[in-house]
Every structure is written in structure tokens, then in C-alpha cells.
Amino acid sequence: MADIRVMREHLLPPPPPARRHLLSVRDLSRADVERLLATAGSFAQSLEREVKKLPTLRGRTVVTLFYESSTRTSSSFELAAKRLSADTMSVKATGSAVDKGESLRDTALTLAAYDPDVIVIRHPQIGAPQVVAQATRASVVNAGDGTHQHPTQALLDLYTMQRALGRLEGLHVAIVGDVLHSRVARSLIQALALVGARTTLVGPPTLLPDGIEALGCELTSEIDAIAAADVVYVLRMQRERMAEGAAYVPSLREYSARWGITPERLRPAQVLMHPGPMNRGVELDPRAADDPRSLIGEQVRSGLVVRMAVLYDLLTTGPAPVPAAVAEEVA
């Protein structure tokens, strides 16, 4: 009987490989980051050819599921999948069954019936990508969940810095503005710490979260602190996430006067970055946005090749440990 059982087990098909996800920067090691950035560099070279499409993910399906507005992230993920020859399907919350009250889990189960290889999700609630990862067999990429994480934005920012400045180790990055409501800031702080860079947060005390130093950064309310940085990274005022009636700053005019970035506040050797969309005239003087020191356009271009690298890496690299569960981070 034992021999028959052994033979039967031998004939059974092997279990499917564990799907890998990118839910948080905490899911990445420094080696992972270096591999992804190198892969993105290779894809950047391929896009210089006349024929830019690669057959790498032919036959795979990538679904983008967006519950919040997006231009850069949604379009770059869709184009990244198409440049790798994957089939794509785009689902927006508006105009879908979500308008009729369908839960996130039921939406995920519906999409799972189509057996997609990757689901890219943006959602206003922290932990939503984890719900999709538990409800489907697809690899899940977090394209932003509430004020929690936006890991591919952090990766494209690292890629942009590396290309512009030639290194990441030892860089000093000043992140200026509304850190309290920014998932971009949280992901970028963690990513910069991972590659040996230093971060200083600059802004009104009301927009610098208590305890965020635990992520590995310094805090100050003095705008003059940006003078010591190699990179000035500007965040917009996320008024859509601010509690109604809450006064985080006396006025946008005063905020702009005290913490807005102008060409005069930048050193000649510094570079300027912004994840978009920009509020010109609020956190960023239009002259600074269009200054030769600005890498904002480069960030958009980097988003395509970095997201190509993420999709490629998830679907072609061997299984990795199960990603960390969504953790309680500084709110």
C-alpha cells in the first residue's frame, strides 16, 4: 500500500508556484531594489529601438483596478504591460458594479474568474491590496492604498535619482510638504533607508506625523534645511484627504510663502522632484517646476520602465517569501 501511495503522489501534478506580490517597500530587500533598477535600465535601452514592443509577457494578463483617480500610474502600468506584450484590462470603480455597492472582495473574486496573472490596484483604504491578494491567485501590485504605501513610485524615484546623480548610497533627500497624508513619502523614506540614503522631512509641524522618525528620517520645520540636500522632493497639499474643517495651515498663501519651493531656494547643484500632480503656485513655483534642475519629466518616463521591470520580475523570477502583511505604520 505504501508503494502505491508513493506512486500516486509521484504522479500527481506539482502544486502551482506561489504567486509573488509587491504590496509595500517592506516586501523588498536591497538586492531586490538593485535587481529591479538594473532591469528597468535594460528596458530603457530597449525602448530606444524603433520597435519598442517585447514578447516577454505574451499570453499573460494584467488587470488594473483603480478606485481613485490616476493619470501617471494607471497609464504607465497599462503601457508597461502592453510594451511587454501582455493582454490588459482596465477597471475603474466609477461605472462598474462598485457603484451598485459591490464589495472589494466580491470585485476581486469576479476578476479572479478570468484568471489574470497580475492585478494592479489603487484604493483609498489601507490594506485593500492585501484583500485582493487573499481573494485571488494573481500577483498583486499596490498602486497606492490610502496614506499607507505606493512602492512603485518609490522605485521609480530611486531610478530617477540614480540616473541623474550616479548613485544612491549617501544621497541626502529633503522631502518637503504634506507628509501626513502622503503614501509616497512613507514608501520613499523606507526605500531611501534601504539603499543607504538619508532623508530629512521639512514642513509645517501639523503636516509632519508624530513618530515618523521611526522609519529612519529626520524632521524640521525650517525650509532652509533643504540647502544641505542633494535632492529636493516636493509633495502637494492633499486637500482631498484632509478632514473637513481641519486647519493644517493658516492659508495656502502662507504655506506657499514659507514652504513653497522657488528657484531662489534651490542650489545650482541640486535636483528637484515631484510625484505629481503638481499644484503650481502652491507647493511649487512654476519657474521651479520648469527649471533645468527639475527631474519631474524624467520621473514620468522612469515610471514606464520601472513598472515594466516590476511586472517582468513578478512573473519571471522564482518564488520569494510571502510578503509582509500590511503593518500598522505611522498614521
C-alpha atoms as a PDB file:
ATOM      1  CA  MET A   1       0.000   0.000   0.000  1.00  0.00           C
ATOM      2  CA  ALA A   2       2.811   2.349   0.856  1.00  0.00           C
ATOM      3  CA  ASP A   3       4.364   1.811  -2.584  1.00  0.00           C
ATOM      4  CA  ILE A   4       1.025   2.546  -4.281  1.00  0.00           C
ATOM      5  CA  ARG A   5       0.642   5.747  -2.231  1.00  0.00           C
ATOM      6  CA  VAL A   6       4.162   6.849  -3.151  1.00  0.00           C
ATOM      7  CA  MET A   7       3.489   6.146  -6.821  1.00  0.00           C
ATOM      8  CA  ARG A   8       0.179   8.051  -6.700  1.00  0.00           C
ATOM      9  CA  GLU A   9       1.864  11.070  -5.080  1.00  0.00           C
ATOM     10  CA  HIS A  10       4.612  10.891  -7.675  1.00  0.00           C
ATOM     11  CA  LEU A  11       2.045  11.022 -10.492  1.00  0.00           C
ATOM     12  CA  LEU A  12       0.144  13.991  -9.072  1.00  0.00           C
ATOM     13  CA  PRO A  13       0.967  17.325 -10.754  1.00  0.00           C
ATOM     14  CA  PRO A  14       3.176  19.618  -8.672  1.00  0.00           C
ATOM     15  CA  PRO A  15       1.408  22.432  -6.815  1.00  0.00           C
ATOM     16  CA  PRO A  16       1.390  25.769  -8.634  1.00  0.00           C
ATOM     17  CA  PRO A  17       4.257  28.087  -7.658  1.00  0.00           C
ATOM     18  CA  ALA A  18       3.464  30.671  -5.010  1.00  0.00           C
ATOM     19  CA  ARG A  19       2.465  33.975  -6.551  1.00  0.00           C
ATOM     20  CA  ARG A  20       4.595  36.941  -5.572  1.00  0.00           C
ATOM     21  CA  HIS A  21       3.265  40.391  -4.722  1.00  0.00           C
ATOM     22  CA  LEU A  22       4.513  43.944  -4.308  1.00  0.00           C
ATOM     23  CA  LEU A  23       2.353  45.416  -1.560  1.00  0.00           C
ATOM     24  CA  SER A  24       4.912  47.501   0.315  1.00  0.00           C
ATOM     25  CA  VAL A  25       8.514  48.625   0.190  1.00  0.00           C
ATOM     26  CA  ARG A  26       8.905  46.390   3.244  1.00  0.00           C
ATOM     27  CA  ASP A  27       8.500  43.411   0.887  1.00  0.00           C
ATOM     28  CA  LEU A  28      11.799  44.345  -0.776  1.00  0.00           C
ATOM     29  CA  SER A  29      15.428  43.786   0.156  1.00  0.00           C
ATOM     30  CA  ARG A  30      18.265  45.952  -1.081  1.00  0.00           C
ATOM     31  CA  ALA A  31      19.151  43.194  -3.554  1.00  0.00           C
ATOM     32  CA  ASP A  32      15.565  43.256  -4.851  1.00  0.00           C
ATOM     33  CA  VAL A  33      15.758  47.019  -5.393  1.00  0.00           C
ATOM     34  CA  GLU A  34      19.090  46.777  -7.180  1.00  0.00           C
ATOM     35  CA  ARG A  35      17.786  43.987  -9.430  1.00  0.00           C
ATOM     36  CA  LEU A  36      14.626  45.932 -10.311  1.00  0.00           C
ATOM     37  CA  LEU A  37      16.539  49.111 -11.106  1.00  0.00           C
ATOM     38  CA  ALA A  38      19.001  47.187 -13.281  1.00  0.00           C
ATOM     39  CA  THR A  39      16.105  45.530 -15.117  1.00  0.00           C
ATOM     40  CA  ALA A  40      14.471  48.918 -15.640  1.00  0.00           C
ATOM     41  CA  GLY A  41      17.732  50.175 -17.142  1.00  0.00           C
ATOM     42  CA  SER A  42      17.726  47.297 -19.593  1.00  0.00           C
ATOM     43  CA  PHE A  43      14.157  48.052 -20.614  1.00  0.00           C
ATOM     44  CA  ALA A  44      15.052  51.726 -21.068  1.00  0.00           C
ATOM     45  CA  GLN A  45      17.643  50.699 -23.657  1.00  0.00           C
ATOM     46  CA  SER A  46      15.107  48.515 -25.474  1.00  0.00           C
ATOM     47  CA  LEU A  47      12.688  51.437 -25.757  1.00  0.00           C
ATOM     48  CA  GLU A  48      15.228  53.395 -27.764  1.00  0.00           C
ATOM     49  CA  ARG A  49      14.662  50.985 -30.679  1.00  0.00           C
ATOM     50  CA  GLU A  50      12.211  51.720 -33.475  1.00  0.00           C
ATOM     51  CA  VAL A  51      10.107  48.683 -32.484  1.00  0.00           C
ATOM     52  CA  LYS A  52       9.555  49.080 -28.747  1.00  0.00           C
ATOM     53  CA  LYS A  53       7.345  46.070 -28.045  1.00  0.00           C
ATOM     54  CA  LEU A  54       8.908  42.997 -26.439  1.00  0.00           C
ATOM     55  CA  PRO A  55       7.415  39.470 -26.439  1.00  0.00           C
ATOM     56  CA  THR A  56       8.383  38.861 -22.800  1.00  0.00           C
ATOM     57  CA  LEU A  57       4.900  38.519 -21.257  1.00  0.00           C
ATOM     58  CA  ARG A  58       2.968  37.320 -24.295  1.00  0.00           C
ATOM     59  CA  GLY A  59      -0.034  35.286 -23.180  1.00  0.00           C
ATOM     60  CA  ARG A  60      -0.120  36.881 -19.707  1.00  0.00           C
ATOM     61  CA  THR A  61      -2.985  39.101 -18.487  1.00  0.00           C
ATOM     62  CA  VAL A  62      -2.600  42.265 -16.418  1.00  0.00           C
ATOM     63  CA  VAL A  63      -5.687  43.887 -14.840  1.00  0.00           C
ATOM     64  CA  THR A  64      -5.596  47.442 -13.486  1.00  0.00           C
ATOM     65  CA  LEU A  65      -8.232  48.125 -10.824  1.00  0.00           C
ATOM     66  CA  PHE A  66      -8.426  51.783  -9.794  1.00  0.00           C
ATOM     67  CA  TYR A  67     -10.784  53.124  -7.122  1.00  0.00           C
ATOM     68  CA  GLU A  68      -9.085  56.546  -7.159  1.00  0.00           C
ATOM     69  CA  SER A  69      -8.244  58.972  -9.938  1.00  0.00           C
ATOM     70  CA  SER A  70      -4.892  58.478 -11.619  1.00  0.00           C
ATOM     71  CA  THR A  71      -3.116  59.611 -14.752  1.00  0.00           C
ATOM     72  CA  ARG A  72       0.574  58.690 -14.423  1.00  0.00           C
ATOM     73  CA  THR A  73       0.286  55.420 -12.506  1.00  0.00           C
ATOM     74  CA  SER A  74      -2.636  53.904 -14.397  1.00  0.00           C
ATOM     75  CA  SER A  75      -1.396  54.888 -17.858  1.00  0.00           C
ATOM     76  CA  SER A  76       2.189  53.767 -17.195  1.00  0.00           C
ATOM     77  CA  PHE A  77       1.110  50.357 -15.840  1.00  0.00           C
ATOM     78  CA  GLU A  78      -1.164  49.797 -18.824  1.00  0.00           C
ATOM     79  CA  LEU A  79       1.523  50.864 -21.286  1.00  0.00           C
ATOM     80  CA  ALA A  80       4.164  48.819 -19.433  1.00  0.00           C
ATOM     81  CA  ALA A  81       2.051  45.676 -19.806  1.00  0.00           C
ATOM     82  CA  LYS A  82       1.447  46.387 -23.490  1.00  0.00           C
ATOM     83  CA  ARG A  83       5.146  47.038 -24.159  1.00  0.00           C
ATOM     84  CA  LEU A  84       5.785  43.557 -22.731  1.00  0.00           C
ATOM     85  CA  SER A  85       3.038  42.073 -24.988  1.00  0.00           C
ATOM     86  CA  ALA A  86       0.681  41.206 -22.119  1.00  0.00           C
ATOM     87  CA  ASP A  87      -3.091  41.391 -22.533  1.00  0.00           C
ATOM     88  CA  THR A  88      -4.593  44.197 -20.457  1.00  0.00           C
ATOM     89  CA  MET A  89      -7.949  45.003 -18.889  1.00  0.00           C
ATOM     90  CA  SER A  90      -8.699  48.281 -17.122  1.00  0.00           C
ATOM     91  CA  VAL A  91     -11.414  48.522 -14.444  1.00  0.00           C
ATOM     92  CA  LYS A  92     -12.421  51.831 -12.866  1.00  0.00           C
ATOM     93  CA  ALA A  93     -14.642  51.956  -9.796  1.00  0.00           C
ATOM     94  CA  THR A  94     -16.828  54.592 -11.441  1.00  0.00           C
ATOM     95  CA  GLY A  95     -19.154  52.940 -13.915  1.00  0.00           C
ATOM     96  CA  SER A  96     -18.564  49.430 -12.542  1.00  0.00           C
ATOM     97  CA  ALA A  97     -20.517  47.248 -10.105  1.00  0.00           C
ATOM     98  CA  VAL A  98     -18.800  49.176  -7.306  1.00  0.00           C
ATOM     99  CA  ASP A  99     -21.341  51.939  -7.961  1.00  0.00           C
ATOM    100  CA  LYS A 100     -24.024  49.395  -7.077  1.00  0.00           C
ATOM    101  CA  GLY A 101     -22.460  48.549  -3.731  1.00  0.00           C
ATOM    102  CA  GLU A 102     -20.248  45.591  -4.643  1.00  0.00           C
ATOM    103  CA  SER A 103     -17.546  44.929  -2.048  1.00  0.00           C
ATOM    104  CA  LEU A 104     -13.856  44.909  -2.875  1.00  0.00           C
ATOM    105  CA  ARG A 105     -13.627  41.186  -2.142  1.00  0.00           C
ATOM    106  CA  ASP A 106     -16.531  40.387  -4.488  1.00  0.00           C
ATOM    107  CA  THR A 107     -14.960  42.530  -7.210  1.00  0.00           C
ATOM    108  CA  ALA A 108     -11.690  40.661  -6.685  1.00  0.00           C
ATOM    109  CA  LEU A 109     -13.476  37.298  -6.902  1.00  0.00           C
ATOM    110  CA  THR A 110     -15.141  38.389 -10.146  1.00  0.00           C
ATOM    111  CA  LEU A 111     -11.796  39.352 -11.664  1.00  0.00           C
ATOM    112  CA  ALA A 112     -10.246  36.126 -10.349  1.00  0.00           C
ATOM    113  CA  ALA A 113     -12.697  34.162 -12.508  1.00  0.00           C
ATOM    114  CA  TYR A 114     -10.821  35.490 -15.559  1.00  0.00           C
ATOM    115  CA  ASP A 115      -7.565  34.055 -14.128  1.00  0.00           C
ATOM    116  CA  PRO A 116      -5.386  37.170 -14.515  1.00  0.00           C
ATOM    117  CA  ASP A 117      -1.670  36.930 -13.857  1.00  0.00           C
ATOM    118  CA  VAL A 118      -1.341  40.365 -12.225  1.00  0.00           C
ATOM    119  CA  ILE A 119      -3.834  42.746 -10.606  1.00  0.00           C
ATOM    120  CA  VAL A 120      -2.647  46.303 -10.078  1.00  0.00           C
ATOM    121  CA  ILE A 121      -4.861  48.071  -7.541  1.00  0.00           C
ATOM    122  CA  ARG A 122      -5.244  51.605  -6.229  1.00  0.00           C
ATOM    123  CA  HIS A 123      -7.713  52.081  -3.374  1.00  0.00           C
ATOM    124  CA  PRO A 124      -8.441  54.758  -0.731  1.00  0.00           C
ATOM    125  CA  GLN A 125      -8.426  52.199   2.098  1.00  0.00           C
ATOM    126  CA  ILE A 126      -5.234  50.966   3.743  1.00  0.00           C
ATOM    127  CA  GLY A 127      -4.835  47.203   3.278  1.00  0.00           C
ATOM    128  CA  ALA A 128      -7.040  46.876   0.183  1.00  0.00           C
ATOM    129  CA  PRO A 129      -4.265  45.232  -1.908  1.00  0.00           C
ATOM    130  CA  GLN A 130      -3.894  42.553   0.780  1.00  0.00           C
ATOM    131  CA  VAL A 131      -7.614  41.767   0.466  1.00  0.00           C
ATOM    132  CA  VAL A 132      -7.198  41.238  -3.282  1.00  0.00           C
ATOM    133  CA  ALA A 133      -4.086  39.111  -2.744  1.00  0.00           C
ATOM    134  CA  GLN A 134      -6.041  36.832  -0.387  1.00  0.00           C
ATOM    135  CA  ALA A 135      -9.056  36.569  -2.726  1.00  0.00           C
ATOM    136  CA  THR A 136      -7.235  35.749  -5.978  1.00  0.00           C
ATOM    137  CA  ARG A 137      -4.339  33.682  -7.335  1.00  0.00           C
ATOM    138  CA  ALA A 138      -2.910  36.687  -9.170  1.00  0.00           C
ATOM    139  CA  SER A 139       0.220  38.580  -8.267  1.00  0.00           C
ATOM    140  CA  VAL A 140      -0.924  41.873  -6.751  1.00  0.00           C
ATOM    141  CA  VAL A 141       0.819  45.218  -7.109  1.00  0.00           C
ATOM    142  CA  ASN A 142      -0.108  48.036  -4.755  1.00  0.00           C
ATOM    143  CA  ALA A 143      -0.526  51.211  -6.826  1.00  0.00           C
ATOM    144  CA  GLY A 144      -1.428  53.192  -3.716  1.00  0.00           C
ATOM    145  CA  ASP A 145      -3.614  52.373  -0.698  1.00  0.00           C
ATOM    146  CA  GLY A 146      -4.808  55.335   1.311  1.00  0.00           C
ATOM    147  CA  THR A 147      -1.964  57.060   3.145  1.00  0.00           C
ATOM    148  CA  HIS A 148      -0.097  53.762   3.506  1.00  0.00           C
ATOM    149  CA  GLN A 149       2.140  52.722   0.586  1.00  0.00           C
ATOM    150  CA  HIS A 150       2.993  53.369  -3.074  1.00  0.00           C
ATOM    151  CA  PRO A 151       6.018  51.116  -3.674  1.00  0.00           C
ATOM    152  CA  THR A 152       6.405  51.534  -7.444  1.00  0.00           C
ATOM    153  CA  GLN A 153       6.530  55.315  -7.042  1.00  0.00           C
ATOM    154  CA  ALA A 154       9.413  54.879  -4.599  1.00  0.00           C
ATOM    155  CA  LEU A 155      11.208  52.593  -7.054  1.00  0.00           C
ATOM    156  CA  LEU A 156      10.835  54.989  -9.981  1.00  0.00           C
ATOM    157  CA  ASP A 157      12.069  57.826  -7.781  1.00  0.00           C
ATOM    158  CA  LEU A 158      15.181  55.822  -6.847  1.00  0.00           C
ATOM    159  CA  TYR A 159      15.735  55.010 -10.507  1.00  0.00           C
ATOM    160  CA  THR A 160      15.433  58.698 -11.451  1.00  0.00           C
ATOM    161  CA  MET A 161      17.890  59.765  -8.736  1.00  0.00           C
ATOM    162  CA  GLN A 162      20.378  57.084  -9.698  1.00  0.00           C
ATOM    163  CA  ARG A 163      20.264  58.054 -13.368  1.00  0.00           C
ATOM    164  CA  ALA A 164      20.620  61.779 -12.622  1.00  0.00           C
ATOM    165  CA  LEU A 165      23.194  61.675  -9.828  1.00  0.00           C
ATOM    166  CA  GLY A 166      25.017  58.409 -10.485  1.00  0.00           C
ATOM    167  CA  ARG A 167      24.482  56.922  -7.038  1.00  0.00           C
ATOM    168  CA  LEU A 168      22.011  56.276  -4.237  1.00  0.00           C
ATOM    169  CA  GLU A 169      24.317  55.400  -1.350  1.00  0.00           C
ATOM    170  CA  GLY A 170      24.970  58.506   0.734  1.00  0.00           C
ATOM    171  CA  LEU A 171      22.473  60.774  -1.029  1.00  0.00           C
ATOM    172  CA  HIS A 172      20.632  63.319   1.110  1.00  0.00           C
ATOM    173  CA  VAL A 173      16.982  63.828   0.140  1.00  0.00           C
ATOM    174  CA  ALA A 174      14.778  66.570   1.614  1.00  0.00           C
ATOM    175  CA  ILE A 175      11.058  65.732   1.347  1.00  0.00           C
ATOM    176  CA  VAL A 176       9.034  68.927   1.652  1.00  0.00           C
ATOM    177  CA  GLY A 177       5.326  69.392   2.280  1.00  0.00           C
ATOM    178  CA  ASP A 178       2.292  67.355   3.295  1.00  0.00           C
ATOM    179  CA  VAL A 179       3.947  64.244   4.697  1.00  0.00           C
ATOM    180  CA  LEU A 180       0.972  63.475   6.967  1.00  0.00           C
ATOM    181  CA  HIS A 181      -1.290  62.412   4.097  1.00  0.00           C
ATOM    182  CA  SER A 182       1.397  61.085   1.744  1.00  0.00           C
ATOM    183  CA  ARG A 183       1.798  57.390   0.925  1.00  0.00           C
ATOM    184  CA  VAL A 184       4.555  58.466  -1.470  1.00  0.00           C
ATOM    185  CA  ALA A 185       6.594  59.909   1.401  1.00  0.00           C
ATOM    186  CA  ARG A 186       6.254  56.777   3.560  1.00  0.00           C
ATOM    187  CA  SER A 187       7.347  54.473   0.766  1.00  0.00           C
ATOM    188  CA  LEU A 188      10.195  56.740  -0.309  1.00  0.00           C
ATOM    189  CA  ILE A 189      11.569  57.119   3.237  1.00  0.00           C
ATOM    190  CA  GLN A 190      11.745  53.333   3.578  1.00  0.00           C
ATOM    191  CA  ALA A 191      13.255  52.865   0.119  1.00  0.00           C
ATOM    192  CA  LEU A 192      15.929  55.516   0.699  1.00  0.00           C
ATOM    193  CA  ALA A 193      16.897  53.902   4.015  1.00  0.00           C
ATOM    194  CA  LEU A 194      17.150  50.556   2.229  1.00  0.00           C
ATOM    195  CA  VAL A 195      19.773  51.856  -0.225  1.00  0.00           C
ATOM    196  CA  GLY A 196      21.817  53.836   2.297  1.00  0.00           C
ATOM    197  CA  ALA A 197      20.452  57.325   1.618  1.00  0.00           C
ATOM    198  CA  ARG A 198      19.496  59.942   4.202  1.00  0.00           C
ATOM    199  CA  THR A 199      16.073  61.647   4.443  1.00  0.00           C
ATOM    200  CA  THR A 200      15.033  64.925   6.047  1.00  0.00           C
ATOM    201  CA  LEU A 201      11.336  65.828   6.236  1.00  0.00           C
ATOM    202  CA  VAL A 202      10.522  69.542   6.010  1.00  0.00           C
ATOM    203  CA  GLY A 203       7.136  71.167   6.530  1.00  0.00           C
ATOM    204  CA  PRO A 204       4.620  72.639   8.961  1.00  0.00           C
ATOM    205  CA  PRO A 205       4.544  70.767  12.286  1.00  0.00           C
ATOM    206  CA  THR A 206       0.870  69.935  11.652  1.00  0.00           C
ATOM    207  CA  LEU A 207       1.837  68.025   8.498  1.00  0.00           C
ATOM    208  CA  LEU A 208       4.751  66.052   9.992  1.00  0.00           C
ATOM    209  CA  PRO A 209       3.321  62.888  11.634  1.00  0.00           C
ATOM    210  CA  ASP A 210       4.240  62.056  15.206  1.00  0.00           C
ATOM    211  CA  GLY A 211       6.678  59.165  15.401  1.00  0.00           C
ATOM    212  CA  ILE A 212       7.554  59.045  11.712  1.00  0.00           C
ATOM    213  CA  GLU A 213      11.241  59.249  12.690  1.00  0.00           C
ATOM    214  CA  ALA A 214      10.908  55.519  13.387  1.00  0.00           C
ATOM    215  CA  LEU A 215      11.009  54.973   9.616  1.00  0.00           C
ATOM    216  CA  GLY A 216      14.560  56.340   9.568  1.00  0.00           C
ATOM    217  CA  CYS A 217      14.413  60.066   8.883  1.00  0.00           C
ATOM    218  CA  GLU A 218      14.961  63.488  10.425  1.00  0.00           C
ATOM    219  CA  LEU A 219      12.359  66.243  10.895  1.00  0.00           C
ATOM    220  CA  THR A 220      12.444  70.030  10.757  1.00  0.00           C
ATOM    221  CA  SER A 221      10.049  72.894  10.082  1.00  0.00           C
ATOM    222  CA  GLU A 222      12.794  75.153   8.726  1.00  0.00           C
ATOM    223  CA  ILE A 223      12.768  75.446   4.942  1.00  0.00           C
ATOM    224  CA  ASP A 224      16.431  76.493   4.997  1.00  0.00           C
ATOM    225  CA  ALA A 225      17.245  72.837   5.805  1.00  0.00           C
ATOM    226  CA  ILE A 226      16.808  71.935   2.133  1.00  0.00           C
ATOM    227  CA  ALA A 227      20.116  73.672   1.362  1.00  0.00           C
ATOM    228  CA  ALA A 228      22.028  70.634   2.674  1.00  0.00           C
ATOM    229  CA  ALA A 229      20.216  68.138   0.435  1.00  0.00           C
ATOM    230  CA  ASP A 230      21.186  66.692  -2.931  1.00  0.00           C
ATOM    231  CA  VAL A 231      17.536  66.203  -3.897  1.00  0.00           C
ATOM    232  CA  VAL A 232      14.573  68.417  -3.020  1.00  0.00           C
ATOM    233  CA  TYR A 233      11.444  66.249  -3.271  1.00  0.00           C
ATOM    234  CA  VAL A 234       8.226  68.259  -3.121  1.00  0.00           C
ATOM    235  CA  LEU A 235       4.808  66.918  -2.071  1.00  0.00           C
ATOM    236  CA  ARG A 236       1.466  68.503  -2.888  1.00  0.00           C
ATOM    237  CA  MET A 237      -1.128  69.507  -0.315  1.00  0.00           C
ATOM    238  CA  GLN A 238      -3.563  66.566  -0.389  1.00  0.00           C
ATOM    239  CA  ARG A 239      -6.700  68.502   0.442  1.00  0.00           C
ATOM    240  CA  GLU A 240      -8.898  65.561  -0.607  1.00  0.00           C
ATOM    241  CA  ARG A 241      -7.513  63.556   2.351  1.00  0.00           C
ATOM    242  CA  MET A 242      -7.763  66.336   4.910  1.00  0.00           C
ATOM    243  CA  ALA A 243     -10.556  66.192   7.460  1.00  0.00           C
ATOM    244  CA  GLU A 244     -13.284  68.676   6.646  1.00  0.00           C
ATOM    245  CA  GLY A 245     -12.852  71.869   8.625  1.00  0.00           C
ATOM    246  CA  ALA A 246      -9.345  70.948   9.851  1.00  0.00           C
ATOM    247  CA  ALA A 247      -6.839  73.797   9.616  1.00  0.00           C
ATOM    248  CA  TYR A 248      -3.410  72.316   8.905  1.00  0.00           C
ATOM    249  CA  VAL A 249      -2.009  75.667   7.726  1.00  0.00           C
ATOM    250  CA  PRO A 250      -3.388  79.209   8.163  1.00  0.00           C
ATOM    251  CA  SER A 251      -3.795  79.577   4.385  1.00  0.00           C
ATOM    252  CA  LEU A 252      -2.353  78.212   1.144  1.00  0.00           C
ATOM    253  CA  ARG A 253      -0.803  81.622   0.501  1.00  0.00           C
ATOM    254  CA  GLU A 254       1.103  81.496   3.801  1.00  0.00           C
ATOM    255  CA  TYR A 255       2.084  77.877   3.176  1.00  0.00           C
ATOM    256  CA  SER A 256       3.475  78.815  -0.222  1.00  0.00           C
ATOM    257  CA  ALA A 257       5.402  81.761   1.225  1.00  0.00           C
ATOM    258  CA  ARG A 258       7.012  79.675   3.996  1.00  0.00           C
ATOM    259  CA  TRP A 259       7.452  76.233   2.429  1.00  0.00           C
ATOM    260  CA  GLY A 260       6.875  76.631  -1.293  1.00  0.00           C
ATOM    261  CA  ILE A 261       9.898  75.820  -3.482  1.00  0.00           C
ATOM    262  CA  THR A 262      11.180  78.626  -5.684  1.00  0.00           C
ATOM    263  CA  PRO A 263      14.262  78.720  -7.932  1.00  0.00           C
ATOM    264  CA  GLU A 264      15.897  81.015  -5.378  1.00  0.00           C
ATOM    265  CA  ARG A 265      15.587  78.344  -2.670  1.00  0.00           C
ATOM    266  CA  LEU A 266      17.449  75.773  -4.780  1.00  0.00           C
ATOM    267  CA  ARG A 267      21.224  75.466  -5.024  1.00  0.00           C
ATOM    268  CA  PRO A 268      22.777  75.145  -8.513  1.00  0.00           C
ATOM    269  CA  ALA A 269      23.855  71.516  -7.923  1.00  0.00           C
ATOM    270  CA  GLN A 270      20.521  70.335  -6.504  1.00  0.00           C
ATOM    271  CA  VAL A 271      17.831  68.467  -8.407  1.00  0.00           C
ATOM    272  CA  LEU A 272      14.093  68.914  -7.928  1.00  0.00           C
ATOM    273  CA  MET A 273      11.470  66.141  -7.908  1.00  0.00           C
ATOM    274  CA  HIS A 274       7.679  65.919  -7.501  1.00  0.00           C
ATOM    275  CA  PRO A 275       5.470  62.800  -7.806  1.00  0.00           C
ATOM    276  CA  GLY A 276       2.608  64.713  -9.438  1.00  0.00           C
ATOM    277  CA  PRO A 277       0.082  66.032  -9.900  1.00  0.00           C
ATOM    278  CA  MET A 278       1.543  69.447  -9.138  1.00  0.00           C
ATOM    279  CA  ASN A 279      -0.284  72.388  -7.641  1.00  0.00           C
ATOM    280  CA  ARG A 280       1.695  75.113  -9.369  1.00  0.00           C
ATOM    281  CA  GLY A 281       1.861  78.219  -7.258  1.00  0.00           C
ATOM    282  CA  VAL A 282       1.190  76.347  -4.010  1.00  0.00           C
ATOM    283  CA  GLU A 283       3.968  73.881  -3.103  1.00  0.00           C
ATOM    284  CA  LEU A 284       5.977  74.687  -6.215  1.00  0.00           C
ATOM    285  CA  ASP A 285       6.702  77.926  -8.025  1.00  0.00           C
ATOM    286  CA  PRO A 286       6.007  77.437 -11.766  1.00  0.00           C
ATOM    287  CA  ARG A 287       9.521  78.721 -12.507  1.00  0.00           C
ATOM    288  CA  ALA A 288      10.986  75.942 -10.342  1.00  0.00           C
ATOM    289  CA  ALA A 289       8.776  73.288 -11.966  1.00  0.00           C
ATOM    290  CA  ASP A 290      10.174  74.262 -15.377  1.00  0.00           C
ATOM    291  CA  ASP A 291      13.737  74.861 -14.192  1.00  0.00           C
ATOM    292  CA  PRO A 292      16.573  72.814 -15.780  1.00  0.00           C
ATOM    293  CA  ARG A 293      17.180  71.318 -12.326  1.00  0.00           C
ATOM    294  CA  SER A 294      13.721  69.718 -12.384  1.00  0.00           C
ATOM    295  CA  LEU A 295      13.536  65.930 -12.922  1.00  0.00           C
ATOM    296  CA  ILE A 296       9.734  65.841 -12.929  1.00  0.00           C
ATOM    297  CA  GLY A 297       9.510  64.831 -16.585  1.00  0.00           C
ATOM    298  CA  GLU A 298      12.194  62.200 -16.018  1.00  0.00           C
ATOM    299  CA  GLN A 299      10.137  60.716 -13.193  1.00  0.00           C
ATOM    300  CA  VAL A 300       7.219  60.179 -15.571  1.00  0.00           C
ATOM    301  CA  ARG A 301       9.500  58.497 -18.117  1.00  0.00           C
ATOM    302  CA  SER A 302      11.069  56.385 -15.379  1.00  0.00           C
ATOM    303  CA  GLY A 303       7.635  55.187 -14.297  1.00  0.00           C
ATOM    304  CA  LEU A 304       7.169  53.244 -17.521  1.00  0.00           C
ATOM    305  CA  VAL A 305      10.417  51.246 -17.430  1.00  0.00           C
ATOM    306  CA  VAL A 306      10.275  50.653 -13.665  1.00  0.00           C
ATOM    307  CA  ARG A 307       6.751  49.286 -13.925  1.00  0.00           C
ATOM    308  CA  MET A 308       7.816  47.120 -16.841  1.00  0.00           C
ATOM    309  CA  ALA A 309      10.563  45.794 -14.567  1.00  0.00           C
ATOM    310  CA  VAL A 310       8.100  45.099 -11.731  1.00  0.00           C
ATOM    311  CA  LEU A 311       5.706  43.164 -13.971  1.00  0.00           C
ATOM    312  CA  TYR A 312       8.581  41.218 -15.530  1.00  0.00           C
ATOM    313  CA  ASP A 313      10.125  40.449 -12.142  1.00  0.00           C
ATOM    314  CA  LEU A 314       6.890  39.204 -10.582  1.00  0.00           C
ATOM    315  CA  LEU A 315       6.109  36.853 -13.448  1.00  0.00           C
ATOM    316  CA  THR A 316       9.531  35.526 -14.422  1.00  0.00           C
ATOM    317  CA  THR A 317      11.587  35.312 -11.219  1.00  0.00           C
ATOM    318  CA  GLY A 318      11.403  32.361  -8.823  1.00  0.00           C
ATOM    319  CA  PRO A 319       9.141  32.389  -5.751  1.00  0.00           C
ATOM    320  CA  ALA A 320      10.100  34.681  -2.907  1.00  0.00           C
ATOM    321  CA  PRO A 321       8.968  34.599   0.733  1.00  0.00           C
ATOM    322  CA  VAL A 322       5.351  35.565   1.363  1.00  0.00           C
ATOM    323  CA  PRO A 323       5.235  39.375   1.596  1.00  0.00           C
ATOM    324  CA  ALA A 324       4.863  41.049   4.940  1.00  0.00           C
ATOM    325  CA  ALA A 325       1.268  41.604   5.964  1.00  0.00           C
ATOM    326  CA  VAL A 326       0.057  45.178   5.895  1.00  0.00           C
ATOM    327  CA  ALA A 327       1.587  46.584   9.066  1.00  0.00           C
ATOM    328  CA  GLU A 328       0.392  49.304  11.340  1.00  0.00           C
ATOM    329  CA  GLU A 329       2.609  52.177  10.250  1.00  0.00           C
ATOM    330  CA  VAL A 330       2.763  55.785  11.316  1.00  0.00           C
ATOM    331  CA  ALA A 331      -0.634  57.351  10.586  1.00  0.00           C
END
